[in-house]
Amino acid sequence: MDADEWHVVDDDEDRTEWERPDRFVRVVVRRTAADEWAVTLDALEQAPEGPAYERETYTNREAATDRARVWRERYTPD
């Protein structure tokens, strides 16, 4: 599996959400009320890697989407 195999479960001008095929990990990029871009990673306790939560904020969507790609790659099983 690679990061491209994640499912896009929500995609519009203010939000994109990816879900790993096993549904244990999600990555979300969304516009904040302050007009910044937040990216979050949420791994459930049942995930083979164990639970995790991370959140970062960027001034533009491109940077947030780049971080989302890095997290999807990191949380893609071999």
PDB file of N, CA and C in Angstrom:
ATOM      1  N   MET A   1       0.844  -1.173   0.000  1.00  0.00           N
ATOM      2  CA  MET A   1       0.000   0.000   0.000  1.00  0.00           C
ATOM      3  C   MET A   1       0.891   1.238   0.000  1.00  0.00           C
ATOM      4  N   ASP A   2       0.433   2.310  -0.689  1.00  0.00           N
ATOM      5  CA  ASP A   2       1.140   3.583  -0.600  1.00  0.00           C
ATOM      6  C   ASP A   2       0.151   4.674  -0.240  1.00  0.00           C
ATOM      7  N   ALA A   3       0.649   5.879  -0.022  1.00  0.00           N
ATOM      8  CA  ALA A   3      -0.185   6.989   0.455  1.00  0.00           C
ATOM      9  C   ALA A   3      -1.311   7.328  -0.513  1.00  0.00           C
ATOM     10  N   ASP A   4      -1.158   6.980  -1.797  1.00  0.00           N
ATOM     11  CA  ASP A   4      -2.202   7.267  -2.780  1.00  0.00           C
ATOM     12  C   ASP A   4      -3.415   6.356  -2.629  1.00  0.00           C
ATOM     13  N   GLU A   5      -3.281   5.288  -1.865  1.00  0.00           N
ATOM     14  CA  GLU A   5      -4.380   4.349  -1.697  1.00  0.00           C
ATOM     15  C   GLU A   5      -5.350   4.750  -0.586  1.00  0.00           C
ATOM     16  N   TRP A   6      -5.064   5.833   0.117  1.00  0.00           N
ATOM     17  CA  TRP A   6      -5.994   6.338   1.120  1.00  0.00           C
ATOM     18  C   TRP A   6      -7.255   6.825   0.405  1.00  0.00           C
ATOM     19  N   HIS A   7      -8.402   6.712   1.062  1.00  0.00           N
ATOM     20  CA  HIS A   7      -9.672   7.151   0.492  1.00  0.00           C
ATOM     21  C   HIS A   7      -9.922   8.613   0.860  1.00  0.00           C
ATOM     22  N   VAL A   8     -10.344   9.405  -0.114  1.00  0.00           N
ATOM     23  CA  VAL A   8     -10.805  10.768   0.175  1.00  0.00           C
ATOM     24  C   VAL A   8     -12.273  10.636   0.572  1.00  0.00           C
ATOM     25  N   VAL A   9     -12.593  10.995   1.806  1.00  0.00           N
ATOM     26  CA  VAL A   9     -13.966  10.854   2.295  1.00  0.00           C
ATOM     27  C   VAL A   9     -14.707  12.178   2.339  1.00  0.00           C
ATOM     28  N   ASP A  10     -13.986  13.278   2.177  1.00  0.00           N
ATOM     29  CA  ASP A  10     -14.605  14.613   2.144  1.00  0.00           C
ATOM     30  C   ASP A  10     -13.661  15.529   1.391  1.00  0.00           C
ATOM     31  N   ASP A  11     -14.183  16.290   0.453  1.00  0.00           N
ATOM     32  CA  ASP A  11     -13.324  17.179  -0.325  1.00  0.00           C
ATOM     33  C   ASP A  11     -14.140  18.340  -0.861  1.00  0.00           C
ATOM     34  N   ASP A  12     -13.859  19.538  -0.364  1.00  0.00           N
ATOM     35  CA  ASP A  12     -14.456  20.756  -0.904  1.00  0.00           C
ATOM     36  C   ASP A  12     -13.465  21.894  -0.719  1.00  0.00           C
ATOM     37  N   GLU A  13     -13.881  23.107  -0.942  1.00  0.00           N
ATOM     38  CA  GLU A  13     -12.927  24.224  -0.915  1.00  0.00           C
ATOM     39  C   GLU A  13     -12.375  24.539   0.471  1.00  0.00           C
ATOM     40  N   ASP A  14     -13.045  24.059   1.523  1.00  0.00           N
ATOM     41  CA  ASP A  14     -12.605  24.358   2.885  1.00  0.00           C
ATOM     42  C   ASP A  14     -12.084  23.153   3.666  1.00  0.00           C
ATOM     43  N   ARG A  15     -12.147  21.955   3.054  1.00  0.00           N
ATOM     44  CA  ARG A  15     -11.788  20.766   3.827  1.00  0.00           C
ATOM     45  C   ARG A  15     -11.499  19.592   2.897  1.00  0.00           C
ATOM     46  N   THR A  16     -10.455  18.838   3.227  1.00  0.00           N
ATOM     47  CA  THR A  16     -10.194  17.546   2.587  1.00  0.00           C
ATOM     48  C   THR A  16      -9.862  16.559   3.690  1.00  0.00           C
ATOM     49  N   GLU A  17     -10.484  15.396   3.622  1.00  0.00           N
ATOM     50  CA  GLU A  17     -10.255  14.367   4.629  1.00  0.00           C
ATOM     51  C   GLU A  17      -9.907  13.048   3.940  1.00  0.00           C
ATOM     52  N   TRP A  18      -8.823  12.427   4.406  1.00  0.00           N
ATOM     53  CA  TRP A  18      -8.387  11.125   3.906  1.00  0.00           C
ATOM     54  C   TRP A  18      -8.548  10.107   5.019  1.00  0.00           C
ATOM     55  N   GLU A  19      -8.882   8.884   4.616  1.00  0.00           N
ATOM     56  CA  GLU A  19      -9.007   7.789   5.563  1.00  0.00           C
ATOM     57  C   GLU A  19      -8.221   6.591   5.028  1.00  0.00           C
ATOM     58  N   ARG A  20      -7.439   5.978   5.903  1.00  0.00           N
ATOM     59  CA  ARG A  20      -6.699   4.795   5.510  1.00  0.00           C
ATOM     60  C   ARG A  20      -7.692   3.654   5.247  1.00  0.00           C
ATOM     61  N   PRO A  21      -7.396   2.758   4.308  1.00  0.00           N
ATOM     62  CA  PRO A  21      -8.346   1.683   3.988  1.00  0.00           C
ATOM     63  C   PRO A  21      -8.833   0.863   5.189  1.00  0.00           C
ATOM     64  N   ASP A  22      -8.000   0.680   6.215  1.00  0.00           N
ATOM     65  CA  ASP A  22      -8.448  -0.078   7.392  1.00  0.00           C
ATOM     66  C   ASP A  22      -9.288   0.770   8.342  1.00  0.00           C
ATOM     67  N   ARG A  23      -9.425   2.054   8.037  1.00  0.00           N
ATOM     68  CA  ARG A  23     -10.255   3.026   8.773  1.00  0.00           C
ATOM     69  C   ARG A  23      -9.740   3.352  10.171  1.00  0.00           C
ATOM     70  N   PHE A  24      -8.497   3.006  10.483  1.00  0.00           N
ATOM     71  CA  PHE A  24      -7.932   3.287  11.800  1.00  0.00           C
ATOM     72  C   PHE A  24      -7.239   4.642  11.884  1.00  0.00           C
ATOM     73  N   VAL A  25      -6.956   5.277  10.734  1.00  0.00           N
ATOM     74  CA  VAL A  25      -6.232   6.549  10.728  1.00  0.00           C
ATOM     75  C   VAL A  25      -6.895   7.505   9.743  1.00  0.00           C
ATOM     76  N   ARG A  26      -7.044   8.773  10.181  1.00  0.00           N
ATOM     77  CA  ARG A  26      -7.584   9.837   9.327  1.00  0.00           C
ATOM     78  C   ARG A  26      -6.647  11.033   9.356  1.00  0.00           C
ATOM     79  N   VAL A  27      -6.583  11.711   8.233  1.00  0.00           N
ATOM     80  CA  VAL A  27      -5.833  12.963   8.120  1.00  0.00           C
ATOM     81  C   VAL A  27      -6.778  13.985   7.505  1.00  0.00           C
ATOM     82  N   VAL A  28      -6.861  15.161   8.130  1.00  0.00           N
ATOM     83  CA  VAL A  28      -7.790  16.194   7.685  1.00  0.00           C
ATOM     84  C   VAL A  28      -7.053  17.519   7.496  1.00  0.00           C
ATOM     85  N   VAL A  29      -7.340  18.181   6.365  1.00  0.00           N
ATOM     86  CA  VAL A  29      -6.889  19.556   6.126  1.00  0.00           C
ATOM     87  C   VAL A  29      -8.155  20.400   6.077  1.00  0.00           C
ATOM     88  N   ARG A  30      -8.182  21.478   6.870  1.00  0.00           N
ATOM     89  CA  ARG A  30      -9.386  22.321   6.878  1.00  0.00           C
ATOM     90  C   ARG A  30      -9.026  23.779   7.122  1.00  0.00           C
ATOM     91  N   ARG A  31      -9.883  24.654   6.593  1.00  0.00           N
ATOM     92  CA  ARG A  31      -9.731  26.092   6.825  1.00  0.00           C
ATOM     93  C   ARG A  31     -10.247  26.410   8.230  1.00  0.00           C
ATOM     94  N   THR A  32      -9.499  27.207   8.968  1.00  0.00           N
ATOM     95  CA  THR A  32      -9.907  27.585  10.329  1.00  0.00           C
ATOM     96  C   THR A  32     -10.704  28.888  10.301  1.00  0.00           C
ATOM     97  N   ALA A  33     -11.304  29.226  11.441  1.00  0.00           N
ATOM     98  CA  ALA A  33     -12.048  30.485  11.559  1.00  0.00           C
ATOM     99  C   ALA A  33     -11.132  31.693  11.371  1.00  0.00           C
ATOM    100  N   ALA A  34      -9.839  31.529  11.651  1.00  0.00           N
ATOM    101  CA  ALA A  34      -8.857  32.612  11.496  1.00  0.00           C
ATOM    102  C   ALA A  34      -8.308  32.672  10.063  1.00  0.00           C
ATOM    103  N   ASP A  35      -8.906  31.897   9.148  1.00  0.00           N
ATOM    104  CA  ASP A  35      -8.507  31.838   7.742  1.00  0.00           C
ATOM    105  C   ASP A  35      -7.094  31.283   7.571  1.00  0.00           C
ATOM    106  N   GLU A  36      -6.715  30.370   8.454  1.00  0.00           N
ATOM    107  CA  GLU A  36      -5.479  29.606   8.313  1.00  0.00           C
ATOM    108  C   GLU A  36      -5.898  28.191   7.922  1.00  0.00           C
ATOM    109  N   TRP A  37      -4.902  27.314   7.789  1.00  0.00           N
ATOM    110  CA  TRP A  37      -5.185  25.932   7.421  1.00  0.00           C
ATOM    111  C   TRP A  37      -4.625  24.999   8.491  1.00  0.00           C
ATOM    112  N   ALA A  38      -5.514  24.215   9.083  1.00  0.00           N
ATOM    113  CA  ALA A  38      -5.118  23.239  10.101  1.00  0.00           C
ATOM    114  C   ALA A  38      -5.055  21.868   9.455  1.00  0.00           C
ATOM    115  N   VAL A  39      -4.076  21.100   9.860  1.00  0.00           N
ATOM    116  CA  VAL A  39      -3.986  19.707   9.428  1.00  0.00           C
ATOM    117  C   VAL A  39      -3.895  18.853  10.684  1.00  0.00           C
ATOM    118  N   THR A  40      -4.728  17.820  10.736  1.00  0.00           N
ATOM    119  CA  THR A  40      -4.745  16.949  11.905  1.00  0.00           C
ATOM    120  C   THR A  40      -4.579  15.496  11.476  1.00  0.00           C
ATOM    121  N   LEU A  41      -3.929  14.758  12.342  1.00  0.00           N
ATOM    122  CA  LEU A  41      -3.771  13.315  12.185  1.00  0.00           C
ATOM    123  C   LEU A  41      -4.428  12.682  13.399  1.00  0.00           C
ATOM    124  N   ASP A  42      -5.278  11.689  13.171  1.00  0.00           N
ATOM    125  CA  ASP A  42      -5.945  11.004  14.270  1.00  0.00           C
ATOM    126  C   ASP A  42      -5.875   9.504  14.025  1.00  0.00           C
ATOM    127  N   ALA A  43      -5.088   8.804  14.844  1.00  0.00           N
ATOM    128  CA  ALA A  43      -4.969   7.349  14.761  1.00  0.00           C
ATOM    129  C   ALA A  43      -5.673   6.748  15.976  1.00  0.00           C
ATOM    130  N   LEU A  44      -6.576   5.830  15.731  1.00  0.00           N
ATOM    131  CA  LEU A  44      -7.322   5.184  16.810  1.00  0.00           C
ATOM    132  C   LEU A  44      -6.435   4.246  17.620  1.00  0.00           C
ATOM    133  N   GLU A  45      -6.894   3.931  18.815  1.00  0.00           N
ATOM    134  CA  GLU A  45      -6.157   2.988  19.654  1.00  0.00           C
ATOM    135  C   GLU A  45      -5.989   1.636  18.993  1.00  0.00           C
ATOM    136  N   GLN A  46      -6.949   1.253  18.141  1.00  0.00           N
ATOM    137  CA  GLN A  46      -6.904  -0.045  17.481  1.00  0.00           C
ATOM    138  C   GLN A  46      -5.878  -0.095  16.342  1.00  0.00           C
ATOM    139  N   ALA A  47      -5.343   1.038  15.940  1.00  0.00           N
ATOM    140  CA  ALA A  47      -4.361   1.058  14.850  1.00  0.00           C
ATOM    141  C   ALA A  47      -3.134   0.251  15.255  1.00  0.00           C
ATOM    142  N   PRO A  48      -2.566  -0.492  14.317  1.00  0.00           N
ATOM    143  CA  PRO A  48      -1.373  -1.292  14.638  1.00  0.00           C
ATOM    144  C   PRO A  48      -0.238  -0.445  15.234  1.00  0.00           C
ATOM    145  N   GLU A  49      -0.167   0.835  14.847  1.00  0.00           N
ATOM    146  CA  GLU A  49       0.878   1.724  15.354  1.00  0.00           C
ATOM    147  C   GLU A  49       0.557   2.275  16.731  1.00  0.00           C
ATOM    148  N   GLY A  50      -0.685   2.071  17.180  1.00  0.00           N
ATOM    149  CA  GLY A  50      -1.138   2.638  18.441  1.00  0.00           C
ATOM    150  C   GLY A  50      -1.773   3.995  18.211  1.00  0.00           C
ATOM    151  N   PRO A  51      -2.337   4.585  19.254  1.00  0.00           N
ATOM    152  CA  PRO A  51      -3.030   5.851  19.115  1.00  0.00           C
ATOM    153  C   PRO A  51      -2.066   7.013  18.886  1.00  0.00           C
ATOM    154  N   ALA A  52      -2.559   8.013  18.169  1.00  0.00           N
ATOM    155  CA  ALA A  52      -1.771   9.230  17.948  1.00  0.00           C
ATOM    156  C   ALA A  52      -2.713  10.365  17.576  1.00  0.00           C
ATOM    157  N   TYR A  53      -2.326  11.567  17.966  1.00  0.00           N
ATOM    158  CA  TYR A  53      -3.051  12.760  17.544  1.00  0.00           C
ATOM    159  C   TYR A  53      -2.017  13.864  17.358  1.00  0.00           C
ATOM    160  N   GLU A  54      -2.048  14.492  16.198  1.00  0.00           N
ATOM    161  CA  GLU A  54      -1.169  15.628  15.929  1.00  0.00           C
ATOM    162  C   GLU A  54      -1.988  16.697  15.224  1.00  0.00           C
ATOM    163  N   ARG A  55      -1.618  17.961  15.460  1.00  0.00           N
ATOM    164  CA  ARG A  55      -2.287  19.082  14.794  1.00  0.00           C
ATOM    165  C   ARG A  55      -1.253  20.167  14.543  1.00  0.00           C
ATOM    166  N   GLU A  56      -1.267  20.689  13.322  1.00  0.00           N
ATOM    167  CA  GLU A  56      -0.399  21.812  12.959  1.00  0.00           C
ATOM    168  C   GLU A  56      -1.216  22.808  12.156  1.00  0.00           C
ATOM    169  N   THR A  57      -0.792  24.070  12.183  1.00  0.00           N
ATOM    170  CA  THR A  57      -1.490  25.129  11.458  1.00  0.00           C
ATOM    171  C   THR A  57      -0.522  25.808  10.500  1.00  0.00           C
ATOM    172  N   TYR A  58      -1.022  26.116   9.307  1.00  0.00           N
ATOM    173  CA  TYR A  58      -0.227  26.754   8.255  1.00  0.00           C
ATOM    174  C   TYR A  58      -0.985  27.947   7.684  1.00  0.00           C
ATOM    175  N   THR A  59      -0.262  28.842   7.043  1.00  0.00           N
ATOM    176  CA  THR A  59      -0.897  30.029   6.469  1.00  0.00           C
ATOM    177  C   THR A  59      -1.564  29.754   5.125  1.00  0.00           C
ATOM    178  N   ASN A  60      -1.224  28.619   4.488  1.00  0.00           N
ATOM    179  CA  ASN A  60      -1.852  28.316   3.200  1.00  0.00           C
ATOM    180  C   ASN A  60      -2.170  26.824   3.085  1.00  0.00           C
ATOM    181  N   ARG A  61      -3.109  26.542   2.196  1.00  0.00           N
ATOM    182  CA  ARG A  61      -3.571  25.161   2.023  1.00  0.00           C
ATOM    183  C   ARG A  61      -2.479  24.258   1.456  1.00  0.00           C
ATOM    184  N   GLU A  62      -1.655  24.785   0.570  1.00  0.00           N
ATOM    185  CA  GLU A  62      -0.604  23.971  -0.041  1.00  0.00           C
ATOM    186  C   GLU A  62       0.336  23.389   1.012  1.00  0.00           C
ATOM    187  N   ALA A  63       0.761  24.213   1.962  1.00  0.00           N
ATOM    188  CA  ALA A  63       1.663  23.738   3.018  1.00  0.00           C
ATOM    189  C   ALA A  63       0.965  22.701   3.901  1.00  0.00           C
ATOM    190  N   ALA A  64      -0.295  22.942   4.233  1.00  0.00           N
ATOM    191  CA  ALA A  64      -1.049  21.988   5.053  1.00  0.00           C
ATOM    192  C   ALA A  64      -1.222  20.666   4.313  1.00  0.00           C
ATOM    193  N   THR A  65      -1.485  20.724   3.010  1.00  0.00           N
ATOM    194  CA  THR A  65      -1.646  19.516   2.210  1.00  0.00           C
ATOM    195  C   THR A  65      -0.334  18.753   2.100  1.00  0.00           C
ATOM    196  N   ASP A  66       0.780  19.477   2.023  1.00  0.00           N
ATOM    197  CA  ASP A  66       2.091  18.816   2.022  1.00  0.00           C
ATOM    198  C   ASP A  66       2.316  18.042   3.316  1.00  0.00           C
ATOM    199  N   ARG A  67       1.972  18.646   4.453  1.00  0.00           N
ATOM    200  CA  ARG A  67       2.113  17.961   5.745  1.00  0.00           C
ATOM    201  C   ARG A  67       1.193  16.733   5.786  1.00  0.00           C
ATOM    202  N   ALA A  68      -0.027  16.872   5.268  1.00  0.00           N
ATOM    203  CA  ALA A  68      -0.961  15.746   5.233  1.00  0.00           C
ATOM    204  C   ALA A  68      -0.369  14.581   4.432  1.00  0.00           C
ATOM    205  N   ARG A  69       0.290  14.880   3.321  1.00  0.00           N
ATOM    206  CA  ARG A  69       0.923  13.844   2.506  1.00  0.00           C
ATOM    207  C   ARG A  69       2.017  13.122   3.300  1.00  0.00           C
ATOM    208  N   VAL A  70       2.834  13.900   4.020  1.00  0.00           N
ATOM    209  CA  VAL A  70       3.906  13.310   4.836  1.00  0.00           C
ATOM    210  C   VAL A  70       3.307  12.369   5.885  1.00  0.00           C
ATOM    211  N   TRP A  71       2.256  12.805   6.562  1.00  0.00           N
ATOM    212  CA  TRP A  71       1.628  11.954   7.572  1.00  0.00           C
ATOM    213  C   TRP A  71       1.007  10.709   6.953  1.00  0.00           C
ATOM    214  N   ARG A  72       0.362  10.850   5.792  1.00  0.00           N
ATOM    215  CA  ARG A  72      -0.208   9.671   5.135  1.00  0.00           C
ATOM    216  C   ARG A  72       0.888   8.681   4.765  1.00  0.00           C
ATOM    217  N   GLU A  73       2.023   9.196   4.288  1.00  0.00           N
ATOM    218  CA  GLU A  73       3.137   8.301   3.968  1.00  0.00           C
ATOM    219  C   GLU A  73       3.658   7.609   5.231  1.00  0.00           C
ATOM    220  N   ARG A  74       3.789   8.362   6.325  1.00  0.00           N
ATOM    221  CA  ARG A  74       4.299   7.793   7.565  1.00  0.00           C
ATOM    222  C   ARG A  74       3.356   6.719   8.127  1.00  0.00           C
ATOM    223  N   TYR A  75       2.064   6.899   7.963  1.00  0.00           N
ATOM    224  CA  TYR A  75       1.082   5.978   8.512  1.00  0.00           C
ATOM    225  C   TYR A  75       0.529   4.997   7.483  1.00  0.00           C
ATOM    226  N   THR A  76       1.245   4.784   6.397  1.00  0.00           N
ATOM    227  CA  THR A  76       0.876   3.770   5.420  1.00  0.00           C
ATOM    228  C   THR A  76       1.674   2.504   5.727  1.00  0.00           C
ATOM    229  N   PRO A  77       0.972   1.402   6.032  1.00  0.00           N
ATOM    230  CA  PRO A  77       1.689   0.163   6.333  1.00  0.00           C
ATOM    231  C   PRO A  77       2.502  -0.312   5.127  1.00  0.00           C
ATOM    232  N   ASP A  78       3.580  -1.016   5.400  1.00  0.00           N
ATOM    233  CA  ASP A  78       4.417  -1.566   4.316  1.00  0.00           C
ATOM    234  C   ASP A  78       3.679  -2.637   3.543  1.00  0.00           C
TER     235      ASP A  78
END
